[in-house]
Amino acid sequence: MKLKDVEFAPLCVPLRRRLETLAAAAWIYLVVFGGLTGWAVLLYLLLATRFWWVALLYGLWIYLDRSVAWNSPNRFRFMRRLTWWTYFKNYFPVSLVKTHDLPADKSYLFATYPHGVLCAGSFSNFATDAGQFSELFPGLTSHLITLSLHFSMPFTREIGIGLCLQESSEKSLVNLLDNKKGNVAVLMVGGVSEAFKSFPGPYHLILKKRKGFIRVALQTGASLVPVFSFGETNVYGLGEAEPNSFWDKVLKFIKWKSGNKVPVGRGFFQYSFGIVPRRHPIVTVVGKPIDVPKIVKPEKEDIEKYHNIFIDELTKLFEEHKTKYSKHPDEMELVLD
């Protein structure tokens, strides 16, 4: 049903579909507003309740426990097994494709593309047990790499710890991969810069100048694995804020890096606008591992060599699978920045 260009969801929607939408909405809230909500609750407990001492002790714990960001603890692992993540996976839906065996007698660095607005494919496949990762790659444990900021956010940090997240630092990656067996560090190499380019159309990847992950792979001897999530850039549409409008001023105030271009999702009860991602299939394809020698102090030539090899393998992966998992002709192009 449409009302003034707003398309509303039907009233008779199966409960399962409603739960899937709720899971997607809760996830986007957790990622975008979870940290602020956590701080607000902690400050309220500290300043306005008789449980101030609990809030104070918890704040002290966050400080003392800061090494959790790079220390890979085995804590709250039940978080990965929650049925809630199955609803999230089925919302899009998200699937995982294996192209080569990955023996569990070594470690791997998954370099995943594209980042997407909020990396739904990588999160579902590698930060939860809702998918087939454990079945397809027995003996491997995946650790999604994220911003260190998330480990200082009250309450939500505990969820991240349970999901085996680790901070995006060299120390964290080396600790995960060096002399370890069965560990997988899942790194979204393009980062936030690529997220601002994650709109429908050609895939714009931030890769040419990103070489730190190659250096870490060489330092630890971990095999590089190109990973590509088809459909990741379709869960949000592309909108534009009118010049000099309220939203245009907000974007300028927060120094938005995409000009007046903004991602447009849907709402809980309507499909036309909102921050909830849209339903669109996401297929994450895990490519061929690139074995690298362990070089404690890799030279520039070593890094360049394996960086070029990685670009070639990622491009081959894209070209081989693009017609299988994408139905949009404008997505058949890969743009490397």
C-alpha atoms as a PDB file:
ATOM      1  CA  MET A   1       0.000   0.000   0.000  1.00  0.00           C
ATOM      2  CA  LYS A   2       1.293   3.454  -0.937  1.00  0.00           C
ATOM      3  CA  LEU A   3       0.394   6.733   0.719  1.00  0.00           C
ATOM      4  CA  LYS A   4       2.032   9.932  -0.554  1.00  0.00           C
ATOM      5  CA  ASP A   5       4.982   8.040  -2.077  1.00  0.00           C
ATOM      6  CA  VAL A   6       5.489   5.978   1.071  1.00  0.00           C
ATOM      7  CA  GLU A   7       5.133   2.229   0.525  1.00  0.00           C
ATOM      8  CA  PHE A   8       3.871   0.529   3.675  1.00  0.00           C
ATOM      9  CA  ALA A   9       4.410  -3.115   4.569  1.00  0.00           C
ATOM     10  CA  PRO A  10       1.336  -5.372   4.365  1.00  0.00           C
ATOM     11  CA  LEU A  11      -0.545  -5.914   7.609  1.00  0.00           C
ATOM     12  CA  CYS A  12      -0.545  -9.699   7.231  1.00  0.00           C
ATOM     13  CA  VAL A  13       3.163 -10.421   7.389  1.00  0.00           C
ATOM     14  CA  PRO A  14       4.306 -13.776   8.868  1.00  0.00           C
ATOM     15  CA  LEU A  15       5.780 -13.513  12.359  1.00  0.00           C
ATOM     16  CA  ARG A  16       9.051 -14.948  11.095  1.00  0.00           C
ATOM     17  CA  ARG A  17       9.427 -12.041   8.664  1.00  0.00           C
ATOM     18  CA  ARG A  18       8.657  -9.543  11.419  1.00  0.00           C
ATOM     19  CA  LEU A  19      11.309 -11.108  13.647  1.00  0.00           C
ATOM     20  CA  GLU A  20      13.845 -10.963  10.817  1.00  0.00           C
ATOM     21  CA  THR A  21      13.130  -7.257  10.310  1.00  0.00           C
ATOM     22  CA  LEU A  22      13.368  -6.683  14.056  1.00  0.00           C
ATOM     23  CA  ALA A  23      16.747  -8.452  14.122  1.00  0.00           C
ATOM     24  CA  ALA A  24      18.057  -6.240  11.307  1.00  0.00           C
ATOM     25  CA  ALA A  25      16.711  -3.104  13.018  1.00  0.00           C
ATOM     26  CA  ALA A  26      18.240  -4.102  16.363  1.00  0.00           C
ATOM     27  CA  TRP A  27      21.580  -4.756  14.681  1.00  0.00           C
ATOM     28  CA  ILE A  28      21.741  -1.339  13.021  1.00  0.00           C
ATOM     29  CA  TYR A  29      20.760   0.283  16.322  1.00  0.00           C
ATOM     30  CA  LEU A  30      23.470  -1.648  18.136  1.00  0.00           C
ATOM     31  CA  VAL A  31      26.150  -0.630  15.630  1.00  0.00           C
ATOM     32  CA  VAL A  32      25.177   3.036  15.289  1.00  0.00           C
ATOM     33  CA  PHE A  33      23.660   3.928  18.656  1.00  0.00           C
ATOM     34  CA  GLY A  34      24.711   1.101  20.986  1.00  0.00           C
ATOM     35  CA  GLY A  35      27.818   2.872  22.282  1.00  0.00           C
ATOM     36  CA  LEU A  36      26.002   6.128  23.009  1.00  0.00           C
ATOM     37  CA  THR A  37      23.185   4.238  24.719  1.00  0.00           C
ATOM     38  CA  GLY A  38      25.691   2.347  26.859  1.00  0.00           C
ATOM     39  CA  TRP A  39      27.393   5.524  28.005  1.00  0.00           C
ATOM     40  CA  ALA A  40      24.034   7.172  28.729  1.00  0.00           C
ATOM     41  CA  VAL A  41      22.953   4.230  30.903  1.00  0.00           C
ATOM     42  CA  LEU A  42      26.296   4.121  32.713  1.00  0.00           C
ATOM     43  CA  LEU A  43      26.238   7.872  33.452  1.00  0.00           C
ATOM     44  CA  TYR A  44      22.642   7.622  34.653  1.00  0.00           C
ATOM     45  CA  LEU A  45      23.560   4.808  37.044  1.00  0.00           C
ATOM     46  CA  LEU A  46      26.574   6.755  38.232  1.00  0.00           C
ATOM     47  CA  LEU A  47      24.930  10.154  38.747  1.00  0.00           C
ATOM     48  CA  ALA A  48      21.277   9.492  39.479  1.00  0.00           C
ATOM     49  CA  THR A  49      20.906   6.152  41.259  1.00  0.00           C
ATOM     50  CA  ARG A  50      22.044   4.399  44.412  1.00  0.00           C
ATOM     51  CA  PHE A  51      23.937   1.932  42.227  1.00  0.00           C
ATOM     52  CA  TRP A  52      26.630   4.521  41.477  1.00  0.00           C
ATOM     53  CA  TRP A  53      29.237   2.244  42.993  1.00  0.00           C
ATOM     54  CA  VAL A  54      28.342  -0.524  40.513  1.00  0.00           C
ATOM     55  CA  ALA A  55      28.746   1.910  37.614  1.00  0.00           C
ATOM     56  CA  LEU A  56      32.054   3.100  39.059  1.00  0.00           C
ATOM     57  CA  LEU A  57      33.391  -0.436  39.393  1.00  0.00           C
ATOM     58  CA  TYR A  58      32.256  -1.298  35.870  1.00  0.00           C
ATOM     59  CA  GLY A  59      33.957   1.822  34.466  1.00  0.00           C
ATOM     60  CA  LEU A  60      37.146   0.770  36.275  1.00  0.00           C
ATOM     61  CA  TRP A  61      36.787  -2.739  34.832  1.00  0.00           C
ATOM     62  CA  ILE A  62      36.525  -1.341  31.299  1.00  0.00           C
ATOM     63  CA  TYR A  63      39.834   0.445  31.847  1.00  0.00           C
ATOM     64  CA  LEU A  64      41.608  -2.528  33.428  1.00  0.00           C
ATOM     65  CA  ASP A  65      40.235  -4.927  30.813  1.00  0.00           C
ATOM     66  CA  ARG A  66      41.344  -2.834  27.815  1.00  0.00           C
ATOM     67  CA  SER A  67      43.752  -5.549  26.636  1.00  0.00           C
ATOM     68  CA  VAL A  68      40.707  -7.586  25.624  1.00  0.00           C
ATOM     69  CA  ALA A  69      40.757  -5.614  22.369  1.00  0.00           C
ATOM     70  CA  TRP A  70      43.861  -7.455  21.172  1.00  0.00           C
ATOM     71  CA  ASN A  71      44.073 -10.441  23.517  1.00  0.00           C
ATOM     72  CA  SER A  72      41.454 -12.780  21.957  1.00  0.00           C
ATOM     73  CA  PRO A  73      39.809 -14.068  25.179  1.00  0.00           C
ATOM     74  CA  ASN A  74      37.435 -17.033  25.187  1.00  0.00           C
ATOM     75  CA  ARG A  75      34.608 -15.216  26.945  1.00  0.00           C
ATOM     76  CA  PHE A  76      30.815 -15.094  26.456  1.00  0.00           C
ATOM     77  CA  ARG A  77      31.070 -17.368  23.393  1.00  0.00           C
ATOM     78  CA  PHE A  78      27.358 -18.193  23.715  1.00  0.00           C
ATOM     79  CA  MET A  79      26.752 -14.810  22.042  1.00  0.00           C
ATOM     80  CA  ARG A  80      27.748 -16.292  18.684  1.00  0.00           C
ATOM     81  CA  ARG A  81      25.183 -19.085  18.995  1.00  0.00           C
ATOM     82  CA  LEU A  82      22.096 -16.985  19.728  1.00  0.00           C
ATOM     83  CA  THR A  83      19.092 -17.799  17.541  1.00  0.00           C
ATOM     84  CA  TRP A  84      18.713 -14.051  17.059  1.00  0.00           C
ATOM     85  CA  TRP A  85      21.579 -14.060  14.543  1.00  0.00           C
ATOM     86  CA  THR A  86      19.777 -16.673  12.441  1.00  0.00           C
ATOM     87  CA  TYR A  87      16.899 -14.234  12.014  1.00  0.00           C
ATOM     88  CA  PHE A  88      19.437 -11.581  11.025  1.00  0.00           C
ATOM     89  CA  LYS A  89      21.097 -13.888   8.472  1.00  0.00           C
ATOM     90  CA  ASN A  90      17.767 -14.898   6.961  1.00  0.00           C
ATOM     91  CA  TYR A  91      16.584 -11.301   6.667  1.00  0.00           C
ATOM     92  CA  PHE A  92      18.763 -10.511   3.629  1.00  0.00           C
ATOM     93  CA  PRO A  93      19.492 -13.545   3.323  1.00  0.00           C
ATOM     94  CA  VAL A  94      23.258 -14.025   3.779  1.00  0.00           C
ATOM     95  CA  SER A  95      25.091 -17.115   2.496  1.00  0.00           C
ATOM     96  CA  LEU A  96      28.676 -18.361   2.391  1.00  0.00           C
ATOM     97  CA  VAL A  97      30.451 -20.060  -0.531  1.00  0.00           C
ATOM     98  CA  LYS A  98      33.645 -22.099  -0.217  1.00  0.00           C
ATOM     99  CA  THR A  99      35.956 -22.428  -3.218  1.00  0.00           C
ATOM    100  CA  HIS A 100      39.038 -24.087  -1.652  1.00  0.00           C
ATOM    101  CA  ASP A 101      39.864 -26.135   1.419  1.00  0.00           C
ATOM    102  CA  LEU A 102      41.583 -24.291   4.254  1.00  0.00           C
ATOM    103  CA  PRO A 103      43.479 -26.737   6.492  1.00  0.00           C
ATOM    104  CA  ALA A 104      43.316 -25.951  10.203  1.00  0.00           C
ATOM    105  CA  ASP A 105      47.069 -26.438  10.708  1.00  0.00           C
ATOM    106  CA  LYS A 106      47.840 -22.771  10.046  1.00  0.00           C
ATOM    107  CA  SER A 107      46.367 -19.282  10.390  1.00  0.00           C
ATOM    108  CA  TYR A 108      44.660 -17.124   7.753  1.00  0.00           C
ATOM    109  CA  LEU A 109      44.097 -13.464   7.054  1.00  0.00           C
ATOM    110  CA  PHE A 110      40.768 -12.981   5.256  1.00  0.00           C
ATOM    111  CA  ALA A 111      40.880  -9.672   3.356  1.00  0.00           C
ATOM    112  CA  THR A 112      37.215  -8.978   2.624  1.00  0.00           C
ATOM    113  CA  TYR A 113      35.596  -6.684   0.078  1.00  0.00           C
ATOM    114  CA  PRO A 114      33.518  -4.606  -0.248  1.00  0.00           C
ATOM    115  CA  HIS A 115      33.076  -3.044   3.192  1.00  0.00           C
ATOM    116  CA  GLY A 116      29.487  -2.015   2.561  1.00  0.00           C
ATOM    117  CA  VAL A 117      27.762   0.567   4.727  1.00  0.00           C
ATOM    118  CA  LEU A 118      27.901  -1.727   7.763  1.00  0.00           C
ATOM    119  CA  CYS A 119      29.445  -5.013   6.488  1.00  0.00           C
ATOM    120  CA  ALA A 120      26.357  -7.181   6.985  1.00  0.00           C
ATOM    121  CA  GLY A 121      27.788 -10.149   5.067  1.00  0.00           C
ATOM    122  CA  SER A 122      31.074 -10.331   6.949  1.00  0.00           C
ATOM    123  CA  PHE A 123      29.350  -9.801  10.289  1.00  0.00           C
ATOM    124  CA  SER A 124      26.803 -12.571   9.752  1.00  0.00           C
ATOM    125  CA  ASN A 125      29.282 -15.093   8.322  1.00  0.00           C
ATOM    126  CA  PHE A 126      32.324 -14.466  10.513  1.00  0.00           C
ATOM    127  CA  ALA A 127      31.109 -12.935  13.794  1.00  0.00           C
ATOM    128  CA  THR A 128      28.223 -15.323  14.456  1.00  0.00           C
ATOM    129  CA  ASP A 129      27.588 -19.060  14.210  1.00  0.00           C
ATOM    130  CA  ALA A 130      24.351 -18.561  12.285  1.00  0.00           C
ATOM    131  CA  GLY A 131      25.968 -19.442   8.968  1.00  0.00           C
ATOM    132  CA  GLN A 132      27.954 -22.389   7.655  1.00  0.00           C
ATOM    133  CA  PHE A 133      31.475 -21.237   8.487  1.00  0.00           C
ATOM    134  CA  SER A 134      32.122 -23.993  11.050  1.00  0.00           C
ATOM    135  CA  GLU A 135      30.778 -26.648   8.673  1.00  0.00           C
ATOM    136  CA  LEU A 136      32.653 -25.439   5.603  1.00  0.00           C
ATOM    137  CA  PHE A 137      35.912 -24.722   7.423  1.00  0.00           C
ATOM    138  CA  PRO A 138      36.169 -27.173  10.352  1.00  0.00           C
ATOM    139  CA  GLY A 139      38.817 -26.408  12.932  1.00  0.00           C
ATOM    140  CA  LEU A 140      38.945 -22.690  12.126  1.00  0.00           C
ATOM    141  CA  THR A 141      37.814 -19.863  14.423  1.00  0.00           C
ATOM    142  CA  SER A 142      37.006 -16.513  12.839  1.00  0.00           C
ATOM    143  CA  HIS A 143      37.664 -13.159  14.477  1.00  0.00           C
ATOM    144  CA  LEU A 144      36.106 -10.108  12.842  1.00  0.00           C
ATOM    145  CA  ILE A 145      38.424  -7.086  13.053  1.00  0.00           C
ATOM    146  CA  THR A 146      36.764  -3.826  14.063  1.00  0.00           C
ATOM    147  CA  LEU A 147      37.514  -0.342  15.399  1.00  0.00           C
ATOM    148  CA  SER A 148      39.172  -0.247  18.833  1.00  0.00           C
ATOM    149  CA  LEU A 149      36.547   2.306  19.864  1.00  0.00           C
ATOM    150  CA  HIS A 150      33.991  -0.480  20.275  1.00  0.00           C
ATOM    151  CA  PHE A 151      35.935  -1.965  23.185  1.00  0.00           C
ATOM    152  CA  SER A 152      35.499   1.176  25.290  1.00  0.00           C
ATOM    153  CA  MET A 153      31.703   1.273  24.922  1.00  0.00           C
ATOM    154  CA  PRO A 154      29.873   0.130  28.069  1.00  0.00           C
ATOM    155  CA  PHE A 155      27.739  -3.022  27.782  1.00  0.00           C
ATOM    156  CA  THR A 156      28.003  -3.337  23.987  1.00  0.00           C
ATOM    157  CA  ARG A 157      31.697  -4.167  24.405  1.00  0.00           C
ATOM    158  CA  GLU A 158      30.683  -7.393  26.162  1.00  0.00           C
ATOM    159  CA  ILE A 159      28.593  -8.375  23.135  1.00  0.00           C
ATOM    160  CA  GLY A 160      31.586  -7.716  20.864  1.00  0.00           C
ATOM    161  CA  ILE A 161      33.834  -9.796  23.109  1.00  0.00           C
ATOM    162  CA  GLY A 162      31.353 -12.673  22.953  1.00  0.00           C
ATOM    163  CA  LEU A 163      31.350 -12.417  19.154  1.00  0.00           C
ATOM    164  CA  CYS A 164      35.181 -12.764  19.151  1.00  0.00           C
ATOM    165  CA  LEU A 165      35.753  -9.290  17.698  1.00  0.00           C
ATOM    166  CA  GLN A 166      39.281  -7.871  17.815  1.00  0.00           C
ATOM    167  CA  GLU A 167      40.585  -4.353  17.272  1.00  0.00           C
ATOM    168  CA  SER A 168      42.111  -3.253  13.968  1.00  0.00           C
ATOM    169  CA  SER A 169      45.716  -2.858  15.031  1.00  0.00           C
ATOM    170  CA  GLU A 170      48.940  -4.563  14.026  1.00  0.00           C
ATOM    171  CA  LYS A 171      49.393  -5.822  17.579  1.00  0.00           C
ATOM    172  CA  SER A 172      45.980  -7.464  17.516  1.00  0.00           C
ATOM    173  CA  LEU A 173      46.539  -9.126  14.126  1.00  0.00           C
ATOM    174  CA  VAL A 174      50.003 -10.400  15.036  1.00  0.00           C
ATOM    175  CA  ASN A 175      48.684 -11.800  18.304  1.00  0.00           C
ATOM    176  CA  LEU A 176      45.950 -13.662  16.417  1.00  0.00           C
ATOM    177  CA  LEU A 177      48.071 -15.015  13.587  1.00  0.00           C
ATOM    178  CA  ASP A 178      51.702 -15.434  14.635  1.00  0.00           C
ATOM    179  CA  ASN A 179      52.536 -19.050  15.518  1.00  0.00           C
ATOM    180  CA  LYS A 180      48.830 -19.861  15.830  1.00  0.00           C
ATOM    181  CA  LYS A 181      46.832 -22.657  14.223  1.00  0.00           C
ATOM    182  CA  GLY A 182      43.204 -22.408  13.189  1.00  0.00           C
ATOM    183  CA  ASN A 183      42.800 -18.673  13.737  1.00  0.00           C
ATOM    184  CA  VAL A 184      41.231 -16.507  11.056  1.00  0.00           C
ATOM    185  CA  ALA A 185      41.498 -12.708  11.200  1.00  0.00           C
ATOM    186  CA  VAL A 186      38.737 -11.182   9.057  1.00  0.00           C
ATOM    187  CA  LEU A 187      39.802  -7.709   7.979  1.00  0.00           C
ATOM    188  CA  MET A 188      37.692  -5.263   5.959  1.00  0.00           C
ATOM    189  CA  VAL A 189      40.665  -3.623   4.290  1.00  0.00           C
ATOM    190  CA  GLY A 190      38.744  -0.720   2.726  1.00  0.00           C
ATOM    191  CA  GLY A 191      37.540   0.458   6.119  1.00  0.00           C
ATOM    192  CA  VAL A 192      35.361   3.507   6.701  1.00  0.00           C
ATOM    193  CA  SER A 193      36.669   5.209   3.549  1.00  0.00           C
ATOM    194  CA  GLU A 194      35.190   2.422   1.452  1.00  0.00           C
ATOM    195  CA  ALA A 195      31.927   2.494   3.389  1.00  0.00           C
ATOM    196  CA  PHE A 196      31.284   5.982   2.029  1.00  0.00           C
ATOM    197  CA  LYS A 197      31.445   4.517  -1.495  1.00  0.00           C
ATOM    198  CA  SER A 198      29.248   1.517  -0.815  1.00  0.00           C
ATOM    199  CA  PHE A 199      26.247   2.373  -2.955  1.00  0.00           C
ATOM    200  CA  PRO A 200      24.509   0.349  -5.695  1.00  0.00           C
ATOM    201  CA  GLY A 201      26.436   0.224  -8.963  1.00  0.00           C
ATOM    202  CA  PRO A 202      30.084  -0.559  -9.738  1.00  0.00           C
ATOM    203  CA  TYR A 203      32.086  -1.831  -6.783  1.00  0.00           C
ATOM    204  CA  HIS A 204      34.536   0.867  -5.625  1.00  0.00           C
ATOM    205  CA  LEU A 205      37.293  -0.780  -3.578  1.00  0.00           C
ATOM    206  CA  ILE A 206      39.950   1.002  -1.518  1.00  0.00           C
ATOM    207  CA  LEU A 207      42.930  -1.256  -2.159  1.00  0.00           C
ATOM    208  CA  LYS A 208      45.812   0.224  -4.144  1.00  0.00           C
ATOM    209  CA  LYS A 209      47.312   2.111  -1.194  1.00  0.00           C
ATOM    210  CA  ARG A 210      46.284  -0.349   1.537  1.00  0.00           C
ATOM    211  CA  LYS A 211      49.324  -2.553   2.097  1.00  0.00           C
ATOM    212  CA  GLY A 212      49.550  -2.911   5.871  1.00  0.00           C
ATOM    213  CA  PHE A 213      47.646  -6.197   5.818  1.00  0.00           C
ATOM    214  CA  ILE A 214      50.238  -7.618   3.400  1.00  0.00           C
ATOM    215  CA  ARG A 215      53.010  -6.686   5.810  1.00  0.00           C
ATOM    216  CA  VAL A 216      51.221  -8.408   8.699  1.00  0.00           C
ATOM    217  CA  ALA A 217      50.682 -11.551   6.608  1.00  0.00           C
ATOM    218  CA  LEU A 218      54.398 -11.675   5.808  1.00  0.00           C
ATOM    219  CA  GLN A 219      55.416 -11.035   9.414  1.00  0.00           C
ATOM    220  CA  THR A 220      53.252 -13.888  10.680  1.00  0.00           C
ATOM    221  CA  GLY A 221      53.339 -16.253   7.711  1.00  0.00           C
ATOM    222  CA  ALA A 222      49.531 -16.349   7.638  1.00  0.00           C
ATOM    223  CA  SER A 223      47.977 -17.211   4.282  1.00  0.00           C
ATOM    224  CA  LEU A 224      46.135 -14.349   2.573  1.00  0.00           C
ATOM    225  CA  VAL A 225      42.603 -15.176   1.459  1.00  0.00           C
ATOM    226  CA  PRO A 226      40.594 -12.847  -0.823  1.00  0.00           C
ATOM    227  CA  VAL A 227      36.905 -12.700   0.127  1.00  0.00           C
ATOM    228  CA  PHE A 228      34.149 -10.944  -1.804  1.00  0.00           C
ATOM    229  CA  SER A 229      30.555 -10.296  -0.698  1.00  0.00           C
ATOM    230  CA  PHE A 230      28.257  -9.891  -3.701  1.00  0.00           C
ATOM    231  CA  GLY A 231      25.179  -7.783  -2.975  1.00  0.00           C
ATOM    232  CA  GLU A 232      26.728  -6.034   0.023  1.00  0.00           C
ATOM    233  CA  THR A 233      26.324  -2.602  -1.555  1.00  0.00           C
ATOM    234  CA  ASN A 234      22.633  -3.138  -2.339  1.00  0.00           C
ATOM    235  CA  VAL A 235      21.239  -3.187   1.190  1.00  0.00           C
ATOM    236  CA  TYR A 236      21.103   0.609   1.181  1.00  0.00           C
ATOM    237  CA  GLY A 237      19.965   2.822  -1.644  1.00  0.00           C
ATOM    238  CA  LEU A 238      21.502   6.155  -2.625  1.00  0.00           C
ATOM    239  CA  GLY A 239      19.827   9.372  -1.559  1.00  0.00           C
ATOM    240  CA  GLU A 240      20.799  13.037  -1.709  1.00  0.00           C
ATOM    241  CA  ALA A 241      20.269  15.809   0.793  1.00  0.00           C
ATOM    242  CA  GLU A 242      18.926  18.992  -0.759  1.00  0.00           C
ATOM    243  CA  PRO A 243      21.469  21.869  -0.818  1.00  0.00           C
ATOM    244  CA  ASN A 244      21.212  24.112   2.270  1.00  0.00           C
ATOM    245  CA  SER A 245      18.558  21.845   3.793  1.00  0.00           C
ATOM    246  CA  PHE A 246      18.629  20.770   7.441  1.00  0.00           C
ATOM    247  CA  TRP A 247      20.151  17.386   6.541  1.00  0.00           C
ATOM    248  CA  ASP A 248      22.727  19.025   4.271  1.00  0.00           C
ATOM    249  CA  LYS A 249      23.852  21.191   7.200  1.00  0.00           C
ATOM    250  CA  VAL A 250      23.985  18.146   9.477  1.00  0.00           C
ATOM    251  CA  LEU A 251      26.195  16.303   6.984  1.00  0.00           C
ATOM    252  CA  LYS A 252      28.552  19.259   6.768  1.00  0.00           C
ATOM    253  CA  PHE A 253      28.637  19.565  10.547  1.00  0.00           C
ATOM    254  CA  ILE A 254      29.718  15.940  11.021  1.00  0.00           C
ATOM    255  CA  LYS A 255      32.115  16.272   8.047  1.00  0.00           C
ATOM    256  CA  TRP A 256      30.371  13.583   6.015  1.00  0.00           C
ATOM    257  CA  LYS A 257      32.829  12.310   3.410  1.00  0.00           C
ATOM    258  CA  SER A 258      30.338  11.620   0.633  1.00  0.00           C
ATOM    259  CA  GLY A 259      29.123  15.169   0.063  1.00  0.00           C
ATOM    260  CA  ASN A 260      25.330  15.238  -0.007  1.00  0.00           C
ATOM    261  CA  LYS A 261      25.029  11.524  -0.853  1.00  0.00           C
ATOM    262  CA  VAL A 262      23.510   9.456   1.933  1.00  0.00           C
ATOM    263  CA  PRO A 263      22.518   5.787   2.333  1.00  0.00           C
ATOM    264  CA  VAL A 264      18.767   5.204   2.356  1.00  0.00           C
ATOM    265  CA  GLY A 265      17.249   2.131   3.969  1.00  0.00           C
ATOM    266  CA  ARG A 266      13.720   1.348   5.066  1.00  0.00           C
ATOM    267  CA  GLY A 267      11.630   1.577   8.204  1.00  0.00           C
ATOM    268  CA  PHE A 268      10.117  -1.179  10.307  1.00  0.00           C
ATOM    269  CA  PHE A 269       6.619  -0.805   8.835  1.00  0.00           C
ATOM    270  CA  GLN A 270       7.405   0.846   5.485  1.00  0.00           C
ATOM    271  CA  TYR A 271       9.875   0.324   2.653  1.00  0.00           C
ATOM    272  CA  SER A 272      10.544   3.884   1.425  1.00  0.00           C
ATOM    273  CA  PHE A 273      13.023   5.387   3.886  1.00  0.00           C
ATOM    274  CA  GLY A 274      14.782   4.759   7.191  1.00  0.00           C
ATOM    275  CA  ILE A 275      17.996   3.332   8.633  1.00  0.00           C
ATOM    276  CA  VAL A 276      17.063  -0.351   8.568  1.00  0.00           C
ATOM    277  CA  PRO A 277      18.924  -2.152   5.741  1.00  0.00           C
ATOM    278  CA  ARG A 278      16.867  -3.433   2.850  1.00  0.00           C
ATOM    279  CA  ARG A 279      16.364  -7.083   2.034  1.00  0.00           C
ATOM    280  CA  HIS A 280      18.818  -8.117  -0.664  1.00  0.00           C
ATOM    281  CA  PRO A 281      20.727 -11.413  -0.994  1.00  0.00           C
ATOM    282  CA  ILE A 282      24.381 -11.239   0.087  1.00  0.00           C
ATOM    283  CA  VAL A 283      26.688 -14.042  -1.059  1.00  0.00           C
ATOM    284  CA  THR A 284      30.142 -14.095   0.535  1.00  0.00           C
ATOM    285  CA  VAL A 285      32.655 -16.057  -1.534  1.00  0.00           C
ATOM    286  CA  VAL A 286      35.880 -17.224   0.132  1.00  0.00           C
ATOM    287  CA  GLY A 287      38.625 -17.436  -2.472  1.00  0.00           C
ATOM    288  CA  LYS A 288      41.903 -19.256  -2.976  1.00  0.00           C
ATOM    289  CA  PRO A 289      44.479 -18.945  -0.171  1.00  0.00           C
ATOM    290  CA  ILE A 290      47.735 -17.219  -1.072  1.00  0.00           C
ATOM    291  CA  ASP A 291      50.592 -18.806   0.827  1.00  0.00           C
ATOM    292  CA  VAL A 292      53.275 -16.328   1.866  1.00  0.00           C
ATOM    293  CA  PRO A 293      56.686 -16.847   3.453  1.00  0.00           C
ATOM    294  CA  LYS A 294      57.258 -15.697   7.015  1.00  0.00           C
ATOM    295  CA  ILE A 295      59.509 -12.639   6.918  1.00  0.00           C
ATOM    296  CA  VAL A 296      59.925 -10.899  10.269  1.00  0.00           C
ATOM    297  CA  LYS A 297      61.022  -7.655   8.619  1.00  0.00           C
ATOM    298  CA  PRO A 298      59.585  -7.665   5.090  1.00  0.00           C
ATOM    299  CA  GLU A 299      61.157  -5.324   2.553  1.00  0.00           C
ATOM    300  CA  LYS A 300      59.160  -2.964   0.374  1.00  0.00           C
ATOM    301  CA  GLU A 301      59.733  -5.260  -2.610  1.00  0.00           C
ATOM    302  CA  ASP A 302      58.232  -8.217  -0.717  1.00  0.00           C
ATOM    303  CA  ILE A 303      55.140  -6.218   0.212  1.00  0.00           C
ATOM    304  CA  GLU A 304      54.696  -4.943  -3.357  1.00  0.00           C
ATOM    305  CA  LYS A 305      55.062  -8.439  -4.782  1.00  0.00           C
ATOM    306  CA  TYR A 306      52.349 -10.016  -2.639  1.00  0.00           C
ATOM    307  CA  HIS A 307      50.127  -6.960  -2.843  1.00  0.00           C
ATOM    308  CA  ASN A 308      50.063  -7.353  -6.631  1.00  0.00           C
ATOM    309  CA  ILE A 309      49.399 -11.075  -6.274  1.00  0.00           C
ATOM    310  CA  PHE A 310      46.493 -10.351  -3.933  1.00  0.00           C
ATOM    311  CA  ILE A 311      44.986  -7.807  -6.355  1.00  0.00           C
ATOM    312  CA  ASP A 312      45.190 -10.372  -9.161  1.00  0.00           C
ATOM    313  CA  GLU A 313      43.545 -13.104  -7.076  1.00  0.00           C
ATOM    314  CA  LEU A 314      40.780 -10.795  -5.835  1.00  0.00           C
ATOM    315  CA  THR A 315      40.073  -9.664  -9.393  1.00  0.00           C
ATOM    316  CA  LYS A 316      39.962 -13.287 -10.603  1.00  0.00           C
ATOM    317  CA  LEU A 317      37.563 -14.159  -7.782  1.00  0.00           C
ATOM    318  CA  PHE A 318      35.274 -11.291  -8.770  1.00  0.00           C
ATOM    319  CA  GLU A 319      35.344 -12.073 -12.483  1.00  0.00           C
ATOM    320  CA  GLU A 320      34.702 -15.775 -11.928  1.00  0.00           C
ATOM    321  CA  HIS A 321      31.654 -15.329  -9.701  1.00  0.00           C
ATOM    322  CA  LYS A 322      30.086 -11.987 -10.648  1.00  0.00           C
ATOM    323  CA  THR A 323      27.571 -13.465 -13.094  1.00  0.00           C
ATOM    324  CA  LYS A 324      26.583 -16.195 -10.609  1.00  0.00           C
ATOM    325  CA  TYR A 325      25.668 -13.977  -7.690  1.00  0.00           C
ATOM    326  CA  SER A 326      24.703 -10.651  -9.229  1.00  0.00           C
ATOM    327  CA  LYS A 327      21.723  -9.922 -11.466  1.00  0.00           C
ATOM    328  CA  HIS A 328      22.533  -6.235 -11.982  1.00  0.00           C
ATOM    329  CA  PRO A 329      24.628  -5.351 -15.081  1.00  0.00           C
ATOM    330  CA  ASP A 330      25.975  -2.182 -13.432  1.00  0.00           C
ATOM    331  CA  GLU A 331      27.614  -4.334 -10.742  1.00  0.00           C
ATOM    332  CA  MET A 332      29.848  -6.174 -13.200  1.00  0.00           C
ATOM    333  CA  GLU A 333      32.588  -3.561 -12.900  1.00  0.00           C
ATOM    334  CA  LEU A 334      35.338  -3.462 -10.295  1.00  0.00           C
ATOM    335  CA  VAL A 335      36.941  -0.060  -9.619  1.00  0.00           C
ATOM    336  CA  LEU A 336      40.178  -0.124  -7.598  1.00  0.00           C
ATOM    337  CA  ASP A 337      41.106   3.105  -5.801  1.00  0.00           C
END
